[in-house]
Amino acid sequence: MYIHRLKKGFSTTHPLLNKEVQALKNWLSIRTSYPHAESEWVFLSRKGNPLSRQQFYHIISTSGGNAGLSLEIHP
């Protein structure tokens, strides 16, 4: 998976584990029923725009709290 970094970050390619590839394929299959499913972006907002890093951070940290994890979760 290619990760494009902004500003002074380094854009890189990250290999995915088999279970990550399967989870991604499952998500993309489910997403076909969503509006804007044809987008090249993996994760979309309700309006069909790519998720911002702030939106993504909020989702990840909230999900960690909802799961009862006692440590700070971040992407």
C-alpha atoms as a PDB file:
ATOM      1  CA  MET A   1       0.000   0.000   0.000  1.00  0.00           C
ATOM      2  CA  TYR A   2       1.425   3.366  -0.969  1.00  0.00           C
ATOM      3  CA  ILE A   3       1.272   5.965   1.811  1.00  0.00           C
ATOM      4  CA  HIS A   4       1.499   9.549   0.581  1.00  0.00           C
ATOM      5  CA  ARG A   5       2.849  11.822   3.307  1.00  0.00           C
ATOM      6  CA  LEU A   6       2.311  15.550   3.346  1.00  0.00           C
ATOM      7  CA  LYS A   7       4.765  18.328   4.105  1.00  0.00           C
ATOM      8  CA  LYS A   8       8.147  16.951   5.207  1.00  0.00           C
ATOM      9  CA  GLY A   9       7.085  13.324   5.678  1.00  0.00           C
ATOM     10  CA  PHE A  10       8.466  10.534   3.529  1.00  0.00           C
ATOM     11  CA  SER A  11       6.025   8.818   1.184  1.00  0.00           C
ATOM     12  CA  THR A  12       6.597   5.067   1.243  1.00  0.00           C
ATOM     13  CA  THR A  13       5.203   1.731   0.185  1.00  0.00           C
ATOM     14  CA  HIS A  14       4.119  -0.514   3.065  1.00  0.00           C
ATOM     15  CA  PRO A  15       3.705  -4.270   2.585  1.00  0.00           C
ATOM     16  CA  LEU A  16       0.453  -5.735   3.921  1.00  0.00           C
ATOM     17  CA  LEU A  17       0.003  -9.016   5.783  1.00  0.00           C
ATOM     18  CA  ASN A  18      -2.342 -11.594   4.236  1.00  0.00           C
ATOM     19  CA  LYS A  19      -5.014 -10.930   6.882  1.00  0.00           C
ATOM     20  CA  GLU A  20      -4.772  -7.187   6.159  1.00  0.00           C
ATOM     21  CA  VAL A  21      -5.200  -7.805   2.431  1.00  0.00           C
ATOM     22  CA  GLN A  22      -8.252  -9.979   3.149  1.00  0.00           C
ATOM     23  CA  ALA A  23      -9.764  -7.343   5.466  1.00  0.00           C
ATOM     24  CA  LEU A  24      -9.202  -4.685   2.799  1.00  0.00           C
ATOM     25  CA  LYS A  25     -10.827  -6.851   0.121  1.00  0.00           C
ATOM     26  CA  ASN A  26     -13.791  -7.481   2.437  1.00  0.00           C
ATOM     27  CA  TRP A  27     -14.190  -3.750   3.092  1.00  0.00           C
ATOM     28  CA  LEU A  28     -13.998  -2.866  -0.609  1.00  0.00           C
ATOM     29  CA  SER A  29     -16.626  -5.515  -1.347  1.00  0.00           C
ATOM     30  CA  ILE A  30     -18.968  -4.074   1.298  1.00  0.00           C
ATOM     31  CA  ARG A  31     -18.273  -0.530   0.140  1.00  0.00           C
ATOM     32  CA  THR A  32     -19.685  -1.226  -3.331  1.00  0.00           C
ATOM     33  CA  SER A  33     -23.152  -0.560  -1.894  1.00  0.00           C
ATOM     34  CA  TYR A  34     -22.121   2.858  -0.531  1.00  0.00           C
ATOM     35  CA  PRO A  35     -22.471   6.180  -2.355  1.00  0.00           C
ATOM     36  CA  HIS A  36     -19.291   7.195  -4.214  1.00  0.00           C
ATOM     37  CA  ALA A  37     -18.068   3.569  -4.205  1.00  0.00           C
ATOM     38  CA  GLU A  38     -16.148   4.202  -7.433  1.00  0.00           C
ATOM     39  CA  SER A  39     -13.722   6.547  -5.636  1.00  0.00           C
ATOM     40  CA  GLU A  40     -10.029   5.667  -5.661  1.00  0.00           C
ATOM     41  CA  TRP A  41      -9.856   6.491  -1.927  1.00  0.00           C
ATOM     42  CA  VAL A  42     -10.239   3.580   0.490  1.00  0.00           C
ATOM     43  CA  PHE A  43     -11.988   5.441   3.316  1.00  0.00           C
ATOM     44  CA  LEU A  44     -14.596   8.061   2.517  1.00  0.00           C
ATOM     45  CA  SER A  45     -16.629  10.574   4.467  1.00  0.00           C
ATOM     46  CA  ARG A  46     -20.417  10.581   4.260  1.00  0.00           C
ATOM     47  CA  LYS A  47     -20.112  13.175   1.486  1.00  0.00           C
ATOM     48  CA  GLY A  48     -17.827  10.911  -0.554  1.00  0.00           C
ATOM     49  CA  ASN A  49     -14.631  12.831   0.142  1.00  0.00           C
ATOM     50  CA  PRO A  50     -11.485  11.137   1.415  1.00  0.00           C
ATOM     51  CA  LEU A  51     -11.326  11.056   5.217  1.00  0.00           C
ATOM     52  CA  SER A  52      -9.100  13.747   6.651  1.00  0.00           C
ATOM     53  CA  ARG A  53      -6.362  12.731   9.065  1.00  0.00           C
ATOM     54  CA  GLN A  54      -8.371  14.393  11.832  1.00  0.00           C
ATOM     55  CA  GLN A  55     -11.478  12.341  10.996  1.00  0.00           C
ATOM     56  CA  PHE A  56      -9.413   9.165  10.820  1.00  0.00           C
ATOM     57  CA  TYR A  57      -7.719   9.912  14.160  1.00  0.00           C
ATOM     58  CA  HIS A  58     -11.100  10.573  15.807  1.00  0.00           C
ATOM     59  CA  ILE A  59     -12.545   7.284  14.528  1.00  0.00           C
ATOM     60  CA  ILE A  60      -9.518   5.253  15.669  1.00  0.00           C
ATOM     61  CA  SER A  61      -9.275   6.846  19.123  1.00  0.00           C
ATOM     62  CA  THR A  62     -13.051   6.620  19.729  1.00  0.00           C
ATOM     63  CA  SER A  63     -13.086   2.972  18.650  1.00  0.00           C
ATOM     64  CA  GLY A  64     -10.279   2.179  21.093  1.00  0.00           C
ATOM     65  CA  GLY A  65     -12.256   3.756  23.923  1.00  0.00           C
ATOM     66  CA  ASN A  66     -15.439   1.939  22.904  1.00  0.00           C
ATOM     67  CA  ALA A  67     -13.497  -1.340  22.899  1.00  0.00           C
ATOM     68  CA  GLY A  68     -12.468  -0.690  26.500  1.00  0.00           C
ATOM     69  CA  LEU A  69      -8.766  -0.363  25.758  1.00  0.00           C
ATOM     70  CA  SER A  70      -6.958   1.429  28.569  1.00  0.00           C
ATOM     71  CA  LEU A  71      -4.143   2.792  26.435  1.00  0.00           C
ATOM     72  CA  GLU A  72      -4.211   5.684  24.014  1.00  0.00           C
ATOM     73  CA  ILE A  73      -5.006   4.422  20.527  1.00  0.00           C
ATOM     74  CA  HIS A  74      -3.755   6.313  17.485  1.00  0.00           C
ATOM     75  CA  PRO A  75      -3.173   5.548  13.809  1.00  0.00           C
END
